[in-house]
Protein backbone atom coordinates (compact mmCIF):
# COMPACT_ATOMS: atom_id res chain seq x y z
CA UNK A 1 -10.98 -6.64 42.92
CA UNK A 2 -7.66 -4.64 42.73
CA UNK A 3 -7.92 -1.61 44.72
CA UNK A 4 -7.86 1.44 42.12
CA UNK A 5 -4.92 4.25 41.87
CA UNK A 6 -6.40 7.29 43.58
CA UNK A 7 -5.42 10.41 42.03
CA UNK A 8 -3.52 13.32 43.85
CA UNK A 9 -4.96 16.63 44.29
CA UNK A 10 -3.35 17.87 41.90
CA UNK A 11 -4.66 16.05 39.26
CA UNK A 12 -8.31 17.18 39.84
CA UNK A 13 -10.28 19.05 37.12
CA UNK A 14 -11.01 21.62 39.82
CA UNK A 15 -7.36 22.30 40.14
CA UNK A 16 -7.35 24.02 36.74
CA UNK A 17 -9.23 26.65 37.98
CA UNK A 18 -8.10 26.76 41.50
CA UNK A 19 -4.69 25.71 42.24
CA UNK A 20 -2.06 28.10 39.56
CA UNK A 21 -0.97 31.07 41.03
CA UNK A 22 -2.04 33.74 38.42
CA UNK A 23 -4.63 35.85 37.96
CA UNK A 24 -7.33 34.09 36.61
CA UNK A 25 -7.29 31.60 39.39
CA UNK A 26 -7.09 34.55 42.13
CA UNK A 27 -10.42 35.38 40.39
CA UNK A 28 -11.72 31.94 41.14
CA UNK A 29 -10.32 31.88 44.48
CA UNK A 30 -11.60 35.42 45.71
CA UNK A 31 -15.34 34.75 44.20
CA UNK A 32 -15.70 31.76 46.10
CA UNK A 33 -14.56 33.54 49.24
CA UNK A 34 -17.05 36.09 48.24
CA UNK A 35 -19.54 33.37 48.78
CA UNK A 36 -18.72 32.79 52.39
CA UNK A 37 -15.64 29.73 52.39
CA UNK A 38 -12.68 29.54 53.62
CA UNK A 39 -9.69 28.34 51.19
CA UNK A 40 -9.16 25.33 53.30
CA UNK A 41 -12.83 24.40 52.70
CA UNK A 42 -12.32 23.76 48.42
CA UNK A 43 -8.40 23.94 47.86
CA UNK A 44 -7.26 20.38 47.38
CA UNK A 45 -10.92 18.78 47.65
CA UNK A 46 -13.09 17.35 44.84
CA UNK A 47 -15.62 20.01 43.98
CA UNK A 48 -18.90 18.21 43.40
CA UNK A 49 -21.64 19.70 41.39
CA UNK A 50 -25.13 18.79 42.31
CA UNK A 51 -27.54 19.04 39.61
CA UNK A 52 -30.89 19.66 41.06
CA UNK A 53 -34.26 19.24 38.88
CA UNK A 54 -36.49 20.52 41.63
CA UNK A 55 -39.22 23.09 40.99
CA UNK A 56 -42.13 24.11 43.04
CA UNK A 57 -44.26 23.04 39.67
CA UNK A 58 -42.70 19.13 39.93
CA UNK A 59 -44.52 17.56 42.45
CA UNK A 60 -42.62 14.41 41.54
CA UNK A 61 -39.17 16.17 42.81
CA UNK A 62 -41.11 18.34 45.47
CA UNK A 63 -38.72 16.72 48.38
CA UNK A 64 -35.46 17.45 46.21
CA UNK A 65 -34.71 20.79 48.01
CA UNK A 66 -34.51 18.88 51.30
CA UNK A 67 -32.21 15.98 49.55
CA UNK A 68 -30.03 17.99 48.07
CA UNK A 69 -28.94 18.81 51.99
CA UNK A 70 -28.41 14.98 52.40
CA UNK A 71 -26.21 14.79 49.50
CA UNK A 72 -24.17 17.92 50.42
CA UNK A 73 -23.87 16.01 53.97
CA UNK A 74 -22.31 13.11 52.41
CA UNK A 75 -20.14 14.88 50.35
CA UNK A 76 -18.42 16.77 53.43
CA UNK A 77 -18.47 13.84 55.42
CA UNK A 78 -16.34 12.40 52.80
CA UNK A 79 -14.28 15.30 52.34
CA UNK A 80 -15.42 16.66 49.33
CA UNK A 81 -16.82 20.57 48.70
CA UNK A 82 -20.35 20.44 47.54
CA UNK A 83 -22.15 22.96 44.86
CA UNK A 84 -25.66 22.93 44.39
CA UNK A 85 -26.90 24.10 40.73
CA UNK A 86 -30.43 24.31 39.35
CA UNK A 87 -31.31 22.11 36.00
CA UNK A 88 -34.10 22.24 33.90
CA UNK A 89 -37.19 20.70 35.47
CA UNK A 90 -39.38 18.68 32.89
CA UNK A 91 -41.97 17.42 33.87
CA UNK A 92 -44.91 15.37 32.25
CA UNK A 93 -47.89 16.59 34.17
CA UNK A 94 -47.21 20.22 33.46
CA UNK A 95 -45.10 20.81 30.57
CA UNK A 96 -47.11 21.73 27.41
CA UNK A 97 -46.98 20.45 24.65
CA UNK A 98 -45.42 17.72 26.56
CA UNK A 99 -42.11 17.31 28.17
CA UNK A 100 -40.30 15.00 25.59
CA UNK A 101 -39.92 18.58 23.59
CA UNK A 102 -37.23 19.51 26.21
CA UNK A 103 -35.49 16.23 27.06
CA UNK A 104 -32.67 17.30 24.52
CA UNK A 105 -32.70 20.76 26.10
CA UNK A 106 -31.87 19.11 29.85
CA UNK A 107 -29.21 16.82 28.01
CA UNK A 108 -27.58 19.79 26.46
CA UNK A 109 -27.52 22.14 29.35
CA UNK A 110 -26.13 19.61 31.72
CA UNK A 111 -23.21 18.71 29.19
CA UNK A 112 -22.45 22.69 28.95
CA UNK A 113 -22.92 23.04 32.87
CA UNK A 114 -20.65 20.45 33.36
CA UNK A 115 -18.11 21.08 31.07
CA UNK A 116 -17.79 25.05 31.70
CA UNK A 117 -17.62 24.49 35.45
CA UNK A 118 -14.77 23.03 37.73
CA UNK A 119 -16.90 19.82 38.92
CA UNK A 120 -14.61 16.75 39.59
CA UNK A 121 -17.97 15.21 39.69
CA UNK A 122 -21.86 15.54 39.58
CA UNK A 123 -24.67 13.90 41.55
CA UNK A 124 -27.66 13.90 39.54
CA UNK A 125 -31.15 14.50 41.07
CA UNK A 126 -33.91 13.45 39.06
CA UNK A 127 -36.66 11.17 38.54
CA UNK A 128 -39.68 12.22 36.68
CA UNK A 129 -40.13 10.90 33.08
CA UNK A 130 -37.63 13.17 31.06
CA UNK A 131 -35.30 14.09 33.57
CA UNK A 132 -33.52 10.51 34.02
CA UNK A 133 -32.54 10.15 30.38
CA UNK A 134 -31.69 13.95 29.83
CA UNK A 135 -29.25 13.89 32.73
CA UNK A 136 -28.01 11.03 31.80
CA UNK A 137 -27.06 11.60 28.23
CA UNK A 138 -25.65 15.27 28.82
CA UNK A 139 -23.43 13.77 31.75
CA UNK A 140 -22.15 10.56 29.58
CA UNK A 141 -21.21 12.93 26.97
CA UNK A 142 -19.33 15.36 29.69
CA UNK A 143 -17.82 12.67 30.65
CA UNK A 144 -16.68 13.20 34.41
CA UNK A 145 -17.47 10.79 37.54
CA UNK A 146 -21.01 10.95 37.73
CA UNK A 147 -23.94 9.41 39.78
CA UNK A 148 -27.70 9.14 39.60
CA UNK A 149 -29.78 9.75 42.44
CA UNK A 150 -33.54 8.80 41.45
CA UNK A 151 -36.48 10.61 43.20
CA UNK A 152 -38.09 7.51 44.08
CA UNK A 153 -41.79 6.63 43.66
CA UNK A 154 -44.82 8.22 45.85
CA UNK A 155 -46.85 6.41 47.91
CA UNK A 156 -49.61 3.82 46.56
CA UNK A 157 -52.95 6.09 46.05
CA UNK A 158 -55.91 5.21 48.40
CA UNK A 159 -59.40 5.50 47.62
CA UNK A 160 -62.37 3.72 49.73
CA UNK A 161 -60.02 1.47 50.67
CA UNK A 162 -58.85 0.49 47.07
CA UNK A 163 -55.13 1.07 46.40
CA UNK A 164 -54.48 3.32 43.57
CA UNK A 165 -51.94 3.43 40.73
CA UNK A 166 -50.98 7.04 39.29
CA UNK A 167 -51.87 7.15 35.51
CA UNK A 168 -53.25 3.63 35.11
CA UNK A 169 -56.57 4.19 37.72
CA UNK A 170 -57.00 7.65 36.38
CA UNK A 171 -57.52 6.04 32.85
CA UNK A 172 -59.72 3.40 34.10
CA UNK A 173 -62.05 6.01 36.46
CA UNK A 174 -62.29 8.51 33.29
CA UNK A 175 -64.04 5.86 31.34
CA UNK A 176 -66.04 5.20 33.97
CA UNK A 177 -66.54 9.16 34.42
CA UNK A 178 -67.17 9.49 30.50
CA UNK A 179 -69.79 6.62 30.96
CA UNK A 180 -71.65 8.25 33.73
CA UNK A 181 -70.67 5.85 36.42
CA UNK A 182 -69.49 8.18 38.52
CA UNK A 183 -70.06 11.66 40.07
CA UNK A 184 -68.39 14.77 40.21
CA UNK A 185 -68.15 14.30 44.15
CA UNK A 186 -66.36 10.74 43.81
CA UNK A 187 -64.09 12.48 40.78
CA UNK A 188 -63.18 15.09 43.20
CA UNK A 189 -62.02 12.49 46.16
CA UNK A 190 -60.32 10.26 43.33
CA UNK A 191 -58.26 13.42 41.84
CA UNK A 192 -56.78 13.98 45.97
CA UNK A 193 -56.00 10.10 46.53
CA UNK A 194 -54.46 9.08 43.46
CA UNK A 195 -51.37 11.18 44.24
CA UNK A 196 -50.66 11.34 48.52
CA UNK A 197 -47.07 12.45 48.43
CA UNK A 198 -43.56 13.58 46.93
CA UNK A 199 -42.51 11.16 44.12
CA UNK A 200 -42.69 9.89 40.60
CA UNK A 201 -45.69 7.46 39.72
CA UNK A 202 -45.92 4.46 41.62
CA UNK A 203 -46.86 2.45 38.86
CA UNK A 204 -44.08 0.90 36.92
CA UNK A 205 -44.73 3.60 34.22
CA UNK A 206 -41.67 5.60 32.64
CA UNK A 207 -40.37 7.32 35.62
CA UNK A 208 -39.67 4.18 37.35
CA UNK A 209 -38.87 2.44 34.19
CA UNK A 210 -36.14 4.70 33.42
CA UNK A 211 -34.84 4.94 36.97
CA UNK A 212 -34.65 1.05 37.12
CA UNK A 213 -32.54 1.11 33.68
CA UNK A 214 -30.14 3.42 35.36
CA UNK A 215 -30.12 1.39 38.19
CA UNK A 216 -29.19 -1.93 35.93
CA UNK A 217 -26.90 -0.09 34.05
CA UNK A 218 -24.74 0.50 37.12
CA UNK A 219 -25.52 4.31 37.58
CA UNK A 220 -27.22 4.55 41.08
CA UNK A 221 -26.59 2.54 44.43
CA UNK A 222 -27.65 -0.78 44.63
CA UNK A 223 -31.01 -1.01 44.44
CA UNK A 224 -32.06 2.81 44.93
CA UNK A 225 -34.25 2.98 42.31
CA UNK A 226 -37.54 1.90 44.07
CA UNK A 227 -36.51 3.41 47.25
CA UNK A 228 -40.06 5.48 47.98
CA UNK A 229 -39.45 8.97 47.88
CA UNK A 230 -40.91 9.47 51.59
CA UNK A 231 -39.17 6.67 53.20
CA UNK A 232 -36.11 7.54 55.80
CA UNK A 233 -34.34 5.06 53.50
CA UNK A 234 -34.16 7.65 50.79
CA UNK A 235 -32.87 10.40 52.57
CA UNK A 236 -29.55 8.01 53.49
CA UNK A 237 -29.18 6.88 49.97
CA UNK A 238 -29.01 10.64 49.30
CA UNK A 239 -26.33 11.10 51.64
CA UNK A 240 -24.59 7.67 50.56
CA UNK A 241 -24.55 9.36 47.14
CA UNK A 242 -22.65 12.15 48.38
CA UNK A 243 -19.70 10.04 49.81
CA UNK A 244 -19.63 7.52 46.97
CA UNK A 245 -19.44 10.39 44.41
CA UNK A 246 -15.98 11.96 46.34
CA UNK A 247 -14.58 8.25 46.29
CA UNK A 248 -15.49 8.18 42.35
CA UNK A 249 -13.59 11.26 41.92
CA UNK A 250 -10.25 10.12 43.46
CA UNK A 251 -10.68 6.67 41.33
CA UNK A 252 -11.43 8.44 38.19
CA UNK A 253 -14.46 6.36 37.89
CA UNK A 254 -16.05 7.68 34.64
CA UNK A 255 -19.36 6.72 32.55
CA UNK A 256 -17.18 5.55 29.93
CA UNK A 257 -16.00 2.57 32.28
CA UNK A 258 -19.82 1.52 33.56
CA UNK A 259 -21.92 2.19 30.28
CA UNK A 260 -20.88 -0.29 27.82
CA UNK A 261 -22.72 -2.86 25.59
CA UNK A 262 -22.88 -5.26 28.29
CA UNK A 263 -24.61 -2.88 30.88
CA UNK A 264 -26.54 -1.42 28.38
CA UNK A 265 -28.09 -4.90 27.60
CA UNK A 266 -28.39 -5.82 31.40
CA UNK A 267 -30.43 -2.88 31.37
CA UNK A 268 -32.80 -3.89 28.88
CA UNK A 269 -33.40 -7.09 30.20
CA UNK A 270 -34.47 -5.76 33.31
CA UNK A 271 -36.53 -3.47 31.80
CA UNK A 272 -38.46 -6.00 30.22
CA UNK A 273 -38.51 -8.08 33.05
CA UNK A 274 -40.24 -5.11 34.85
CA UNK A 275 -43.46 -4.30 32.30
CA UNK A 276 -41.13 -1.47 31.16
CA UNK A 277 -42.93 1.48 29.76
CA UNK A 278 -42.78 1.91 26.08
CA UNK A 279 -40.94 4.99 26.07
CA UNK A 280 -38.14 2.89 27.42
CA UNK A 281 -37.50 1.90 23.68
CA UNK A 282 -36.91 5.76 22.82
CA UNK A 283 -34.71 7.00 25.97
CA UNK A 284 -32.80 3.52 26.00
CA UNK A 285 -31.71 3.60 22.51
CA UNK A 286 -30.50 7.95 23.26
CA UNK A 287 -28.54 6.79 26.27
CA UNK A 288 -26.69 3.97 24.77
CA UNK A 289 -26.10 6.04 21.48
CA UNK A 290 -24.19 8.87 23.58
CA UNK A 291 -21.54 5.93 24.71
CA UNK A 292 -21.55 5.12 21.43
CA UNK A 293 -23.66 1.71 21.79
CA UNK A 294 -25.67 0.89 19.12
CA UNK A 295 -28.87 -0.54 20.62
CA UNK A 296 -31.42 -1.26 17.74
CA UNK A 297 -35.23 -2.23 17.98
CA UNK A 298 -34.59 -5.27 16.68
CA UNK A 299 -31.97 -6.51 19.46
CA UNK A 300 -34.66 -4.95 21.79
CA UNK A 301 -37.43 -7.31 20.30
CA UNK A 302 -35.31 -9.93 20.49
CA UNK A 303 -34.45 -9.36 24.22
CA UNK A 304 -37.97 -8.94 24.55
CA UNK A 305 -39.16 -12.29 23.47
CA UNK A 306 -36.96 -14.33 25.45
CA UNK A 307 -37.27 -12.60 28.65
CA UNK A 308 -40.68 -13.12 31.16
CA UNK A 309 -42.14 -10.45 32.69
CA UNK A 310 -41.60 -11.18 36.52
CA UNK A 311 -42.80 -8.12 38.41
CA UNK A 312 -46.08 -7.87 39.16
CA UNK A 313 -46.45 -4.03 39.29
CA UNK A 314 -49.61 -2.18 37.72
CA UNK A 315 -50.00 -1.41 34.64
CA UNK A 316 -48.58 -4.95 33.14
CA UNK A 317 -48.87 -6.54 36.27
CA UNK A 318 -52.56 -6.49 38.16
CA UNK A 319 -52.14 -6.01 41.99
CA UNK A 320 -49.26 -4.20 43.34
CA UNK A 321 -47.48 -1.16 42.77
CA UNK A 322 -43.76 0.23 43.62
CA UNK A 323 -43.75 0.71 46.95
CA UNK A 324 -44.84 -3.05 47.42
CA UNK A 325 -41.72 -3.79 44.97
CA UNK A 326 -39.69 -2.03 47.15
CA UNK A 327 -40.47 -4.14 50.14
CA UNK A 328 -40.60 -7.50 48.29
CA UNK A 329 -36.45 -6.63 47.81
CA UNK A 330 -36.64 -4.33 44.89
CA UNK A 331 -34.47 -4.09 41.92
CA UNK A 332 -31.91 -5.98 43.62
CA UNK A 333 -34.18 -8.98 43.80
CA UNK A 334 -35.65 -8.68 40.69
CA UNK A 335 -31.92 -8.78 39.19
CA UNK A 336 -31.00 -11.96 41.15
CA UNK A 337 -33.87 -13.75 39.41
CA UNK A 338 -32.42 -12.94 36.44
CA UNK A 339 -28.72 -13.38 37.44
CA UNK A 340 -28.13 -16.57 34.70
CA UNK A 341 -29.18 -13.74 31.94
CA UNK A 342 -27.20 -11.05 33.05
CA UNK A 343 -23.23 -10.14 32.67
CA UNK A 344 -22.23 -9.64 36.32
CA UNK A 345 -18.79 -8.83 35.42
CA UNK A 346 -19.97 -4.88 34.73
CA UNK A 347 -18.65 -2.18 36.46
CA UNK A 348 -20.69 0.00 38.63
CA UNK A 349 -20.34 3.45 40.38
CA UNK A 350 -19.84 1.50 43.67
CA UNK A 351 -16.50 0.61 42.37
CA UNK A 352 -17.69 -2.92 42.60
CA UNK A 353 -19.12 -5.41 39.92
CA UNK A 354 -22.82 -5.87 39.22
CA UNK A 355 -22.27 -9.13 40.60
CA UNK A 356 -21.01 -8.27 43.86
CA UNK A 357 -23.54 -5.39 44.02
CA UNK A 358 -26.34 -8.23 43.76
CA UNK A 359 -24.73 -10.46 47.17
CA UNK A 360 -27.04 -11.25 49.61
CA UNK A 361 -30.40 -9.58 48.01
CA UNK A 362 -33.72 -11.83 48.54
CA UNK A 363 -37.23 -11.80 47.16
CA UNK A 364 -39.33 -11.69 50.49
CA UNK A 365 -42.83 -11.70 48.43
CA UNK A 366 -42.50 -13.91 45.45
CA UNK A 367 -46.17 -12.80 44.38
CA UNK A 368 -44.88 -9.11 43.56
CA UNK A 369 -41.60 -10.75 42.30
CA UNK A 370 -41.91 -13.70 40.32
CA UNK A 371 -39.44 -16.58 40.36
CA UNK A 372 -38.95 -17.33 36.03
CA UNK A 373 -40.76 -20.60 36.33
CA UNK A 374 -44.35 -18.06 37.11
CA UNK A 375 -44.09 -14.97 35.12
CA UNK A 376 -47.12 -12.55 34.59
CA UNK A 377 -46.27 -13.01 30.96
CA UNK A 378 -44.21 -15.35 29.68
CA UNK A 379 -42.45 -12.72 27.49
CA UNK A 380 -41.18 -9.32 28.27
CA UNK A 381 -42.93 -6.32 28.29
CA UNK A 382 -42.42 -4.84 24.64
CA UNK A 383 -42.58 -6.19 20.93
CA UNK A 384 -41.33 -4.31 18.20
CA UNK A 385 -43.36 -4.40 15.30
CA UNK A 386 -42.60 -3.89 11.05
CA UNK A 387 -44.50 -3.82 7.95
CA UNK A 388 -45.59 -1.44 5.30
CA UNK A 389 -47.22 0.82 8.11
CA UNK A 390 -44.22 1.45 9.95
CA UNK A 391 -40.98 -0.11 8.09
CA UNK A 392 -38.54 1.67 10.41
CA UNK A 393 -40.55 -0.11 13.35
CA UNK A 394 -43.32 0.64 15.89
CA UNK A 395 -43.93 -0.65 19.53
CA UNK A 396 -46.43 -2.51 21.66
CA UNK A 397 -46.82 -3.97 25.37
CA UNK A 398 -48.48 -7.20 24.86
CA UNK A 399 -48.88 -7.81 28.41
CA UNK A 400 -51.19 -4.76 28.41
CA UNK A 401 -53.48 -5.66 26.13
CA UNK A 402 -56.21 -7.73 25.91
CA UNK A 403 -55.02 -10.87 23.97
CA UNK A 404 -57.92 -10.76 21.73
CA UNK A 405 -56.49 -8.44 19.85
CA UNK A 406 -52.86 -9.99 19.48
CA UNK A 407 -54.34 -10.73 15.86
CA UNK A 408 -56.54 -8.88 14.69
CA UNK A 409 -58.02 -7.13 11.27
CA UNK A 410 -60.23 -3.99 11.15
CA UNK A 411 -61.21 -0.98 9.11
CA UNK A 412 -59.23 1.94 9.86
CA UNK A 413 -61.19 5.20 11.51
CA UNK A 414 -58.14 7.89 10.65
CA UNK A 415 -58.00 11.25 12.29
CA UNK A 416 -55.02 14.16 11.72
CA UNK A 417 -55.06 15.79 15.03
CA UNK A 418 -56.08 14.99 18.68
CA UNK A 419 -58.75 17.99 18.79
CA UNK A 420 -60.27 15.83 15.83
CA UNK A 421 -60.21 12.70 17.33
CA UNK A 422 -61.09 14.05 20.70
CA UNK A 423 -64.34 15.31 19.69
CA UNK A 424 -64.91 12.50 17.37
CA UNK A 425 -65.08 9.91 20.19
CA UNK A 426 -67.63 11.95 22.74
CA UNK A 427 -69.94 11.86 19.56
CA UNK A 428 -72.91 9.39 20.42
CA UNK A 429 -73.58 8.87 17.06
CA UNK A 430 -70.11 7.97 15.80
CA UNK A 431 -70.18 5.04 13.83
CA UNK A 432 -67.49 2.97 14.95
CA UNK A 433 -67.31 -0.54 16.50
CA UNK A 434 -65.32 -2.98 18.35
CA UNK A 435 -63.53 -3.92 15.16
CA UNK A 436 -62.77 -0.93 14.47
CA UNK A 437 -59.13 0.26 14.45
CA UNK A 438 -58.10 3.80 15.59
CA UNK A 439 -55.66 5.63 14.21
CA UNK A 440 -54.01 9.10 15.20
CA UNK A 441 -51.00 10.75 13.06
CA UNK A 442 -49.08 13.69 12.97
CA UNK A 443 -48.52 13.39 16.89
CA UNK A 444 -44.66 12.28 16.73
CA UNK A 445 -40.88 13.96 17.29
CA UNK A 446 -41.87 16.93 14.43
CA UNK A 447 -45.78 16.40 14.17
CA UNK A 448 -46.95 16.22 17.81
CA UNK A 449 -44.88 18.62 18.10
CA UNK A 450 -42.40 16.65 20.54
CA UNK A 451 -43.72 13.41 20.85
CA UNK A 452 -46.71 13.87 22.94
CA UNK A 453 -47.97 11.03 25.34
CA UNK A 454 -51.29 10.94 23.33
CA UNK A 455 -51.01 7.36 22.27
CA UNK A 456 -53.50 5.58 24.54
CA UNK A 457 -56.47 7.02 22.65
CA UNK A 458 -59.59 7.28 24.37
CA UNK A 459 -62.34 4.87 23.53
CA UNK A 460 -65.34 5.92 21.79
CA UNK A 461 -68.12 7.11 24.45
CA UNK A 462 -70.66 4.84 22.09
CA UNK A 463 -68.68 1.93 22.90
CA UNK A 464 -67.98 2.84 26.52
CA UNK A 465 -71.60 2.46 27.06
CA UNK A 466 -71.82 -0.74 25.51
CA UNK A 467 -69.17 -1.95 28.15
CA UNK A 468 -66.10 -2.23 25.86
CA UNK A 469 -62.99 -1.18 27.35
CA UNK A 470 -60.24 -2.26 24.86
CA UNK A 471 -59.09 -1.98 20.95
CA UNK A 472 -56.83 -1.59 18.59
CA UNK A 473 -55.41 1.84 18.32
CA UNK A 474 -52.76 2.90 16.58
CA UNK A 475 -50.11 6.18 16.40
CA UNK A 476 -47.00 8.05 15.99
CA UNK A 477 -47.48 9.19 19.26
CA UNK A 478 -45.56 7.89 22.04
CA UNK A 479 -48.23 7.30 25.44
CA UNK A 480 -47.76 7.45 29.57
CA UNK A 481 -46.05 4.82 31.13
CA UNK A 482 -48.88 4.34 33.20
CA UNK A 483 -51.30 3.56 30.13
CA UNK A 484 -52.35 0.35 29.13
CA UNK A 485 -54.55 -1.39 26.20
CA UNK A 486 -54.00 -2.63 22.55
CA UNK A 487 -52.11 0.74 21.62
CA UNK A 488 -49.62 0.59 18.59
CA UNK A 489 -46.93 3.65 19.29
CA UNK A 490 -43.85 5.40 17.91
CA UNK A 491 -44.89 4.39 14.23
CA UNK A 492 -41.67 5.52 12.24
CA UNK A 493 -41.30 7.39 9.69
CA UNK A 494 -43.89 9.31 11.51
CA UNK A 495 -46.77 10.89 9.16
CA UNK A 496 -45.88 14.15 9.77
CA UNK A 497 -42.49 13.52 7.15
CA UNK A 498 -44.02 11.08 4.80
CA UNK A 499 -44.06 7.70 6.72
CA UNK A 500 -46.78 5.66 5.43
CA UNK A 501 -49.44 6.50 8.02
CA UNK A 502 -50.00 9.50 6.32
CA UNK A 503 -51.02 7.45 3.07
CA UNK A 504 -53.74 5.25 5.22
CA UNK A 505 -57.49 6.61 4.96
CA UNK A 506 -60.47 5.70 6.85
CA UNK A 507 -61.96 2.45 5.60
CA UNK A 508 -58.66 0.67 4.98
CA UNK A 509 -58.11 -2.38 6.39
CA UNK A 510 -55.32 -2.75 8.95
CA UNK A 511 -53.73 -5.91 10.44
CA UNK A 512 -51.90 -6.65 13.16
CA UNK A 513 -50.13 -10.24 13.86
CA UNK A 514 -47.97 -9.68 16.95
CA UNK A 515 -46.60 -13.28 16.67
CA UNK A 516 -45.43 -12.70 13.15
CA UNK A 517 -44.29 -8.89 14.52
CA UNK A 518 -46.42 -7.38 11.57
CA UNK A 519 -48.43 -4.32 11.24
CA UNK A 520 -50.07 -3.85 7.63
CA UNK A 521 -52.60 -2.12 5.93
CA UNK A 522 -54.19 -4.40 3.24
CA UNK A 523 -54.09 -1.88 0.28
CA UNK A 524 -52.78 -2.52 -2.92
CA UNK A 525 -49.03 -1.43 -3.54
CA UNK A 526 -49.86 0.70 -6.58
CA UNK A 527 -52.75 2.58 -4.69
CA UNK A 528 -49.95 3.22 -1.91
CA UNK A 529 -47.92 4.47 -4.58
CA UNK A 530 -50.70 6.90 -5.91
CA UNK A 531 -51.01 8.09 -2.45
CA UNK A 532 -47.48 9.05 -2.07
CA UNK A 533 -47.33 10.98 -4.94
CA UNK A 534 -50.46 13.02 -3.72
CA UNK A 535 -49.09 13.70 -0.71
CA UNK A 536 -48.32 17.28 0.31
CA UNK A 537 -45.70 18.13 3.10
CA UNK A 538 -47.66 19.78 6.07
CA UNK A 539 -46.69 23.81 7.00
CA UNK A 540 -43.64 23.81 9.51
CA UNK A 541 -44.74 24.04 13.16
CA UNK A 542 -42.15 26.34 14.28
CA UNK A 543 -40.34 29.39 12.48
CA UNK A 544 -37.87 30.28 15.51
CA UNK A 545 -36.22 29.48 18.85
CA UNK A 546 -36.10 26.11 20.46
CA UNK A 547 -38.93 24.47 18.37
CA UNK A 548 -37.13 25.53 15.10
CA UNK A 549 -34.09 23.93 16.45
CA UNK A 550 -35.52 20.88 17.76
CA UNK A 551 -37.61 20.50 14.40
CA UNK A 552 -34.53 20.95 12.29
CA UNK A 553 -32.12 18.51 14.25
CA UNK A 554 -34.41 15.75 16.28
CA UNK A 555 -33.99 12.08 14.85
CA UNK A 556 -37.43 9.59 14.51
CA UNK A 557 -38.30 7.32 17.68
CA UNK A 558 -36.30 4.39 16.09
CA UNK A 559 -33.08 6.34 16.78
CA UNK A 560 -33.97 7.77 20.16
CA UNK A 561 -35.06 11.47 19.21
CA UNK A 562 -31.77 12.68 20.10
CA UNK A 563 -30.22 15.80 18.42
CA UNK A 564 -28.26 14.48 14.85
CA UNK A 565 -25.15 16.76 16.44
CA UNK A 566 -25.40 15.61 19.92
CA UNK A 567 -25.14 11.75 18.88
CA UNK A 568 -21.38 10.10 19.51
CA UNK A 569 -20.70 9.75 16.13
CA UNK A 570 -21.53 13.40 14.81
CA UNK A 571 -17.92 14.83 16.06
CA UNK A 572 -15.21 15.09 18.84
CA UNK A 573 -16.44 16.27 22.01
CA UNK A 574 -15.21 20.08 22.92
CA UNK A 575 -13.01 18.64 25.88
CA UNK A 576 -12.00 20.97 28.15
CA UNK A 577 -12.43 25.02 28.39
CA UNK A 578 -9.56 26.79 28.01
CA UNK A 579 -8.76 29.09 30.70
CA UNK A 580 -6.56 32.13 30.13
């Protein structure tokens, strides 16, 4: 590859703040000196913003305070000047009603923080579910050189000699607790054993899915996405990010050169092969659209039909966790298995092509990372459904549910809210059979509000005690990427805005036909029309503040739940700030 032309110090973005001989620049230089820096430390050097989502209440990022020091070490070694700034830390564990309500807030914050400060490039530190798309969306729009530093998965859980997977095993053991098979002491031991270190969920949940997508898109150092958070390799990778971003600035390697139609397609293929979270649909569509790539649900479904699932990692896989995946070769090894399906000419943050980044990668355990000839599941991770219940689409994870539900017909049991559903399923006398279809509505982007992870509806206690552990469930909610089961999600349009799900009634027959990608209520069209005419919109969720802004501008699930005014085609970017 031809060596890139390097910028001169006078061409740095930060030079607009520091280089002129005027009163305003005098003030900028003076304030850095006030912080204890000499002009020799920052003049003529790339100023790198480290956007850190560390927080004392975000367990996934609890190591980031130390990792920022490693990033700074790398930046200084490469001749840059590092400035760490806090970014909104949205975590799924504690943020209510859902961290998804605040993904776009993080994206807005990142975009405006970059634009308004003298950053020549940025290192984005994230990992927990919404931080990856939020950081990347904002940085794509801002347009300065960027590199993503993934938090890495936590160590695998341990309980009485068994390896536990965050989320996945919590759901499994909770059902046993509800059935009376686990006592209070065992339950407490599980709590302590399932999450044992810093880092994101060690299943292939949303966090590891999104960092894998970002890696496959070329926005991380090669294979960075799977390094365990507490492995010393993670420290070295962090310093490497610092060194590399400085060179990216000199090379003017901006995200628009990396995030292209081809790299987005690569990311989608890799996601399907990993057993990705259903949330990947919402976030990948939003990230792509920020770059002007119009990724559709139908395109994702087509890739899902053609891409085998080859990562044997829970919840779609059976035996292994992210730690095992990394030591089996990690994402580079998985991408080598897929290389004939990928565009290897795509440019990456290394300044090299994806093909060059994959040179030398090998699979060290072919039960963890399977060859295409021996997949976990012959198709990919996700399928997109259409029908009179979801004209704008819905998603399901076929490999994570009992195959007997791939074609299923049964009566609906409909709940208008999560509290209503929660009370009903714990009723020992609930009139429900394994053939029923549980339906939760008013849980979408506007109805939730914020599109909460309520979509893995609990199995009714009466069925749990009969030995049942799966049934068909439908909602306009999301579900955790660590979840599993016959769950249809992201029904669009959502019920709250009058989508067909709002018209479904208890007792109506619902039919799922996964091979045909159909989801329908078997109700006469004239009756559907009558119900639509009688439907009344619910009261608004918010009357002020961020929630009001969210409700006025968020798009539906099929277009990524971004704000309409932040999408690529809404208007021109603000450009560089005036400095007078």
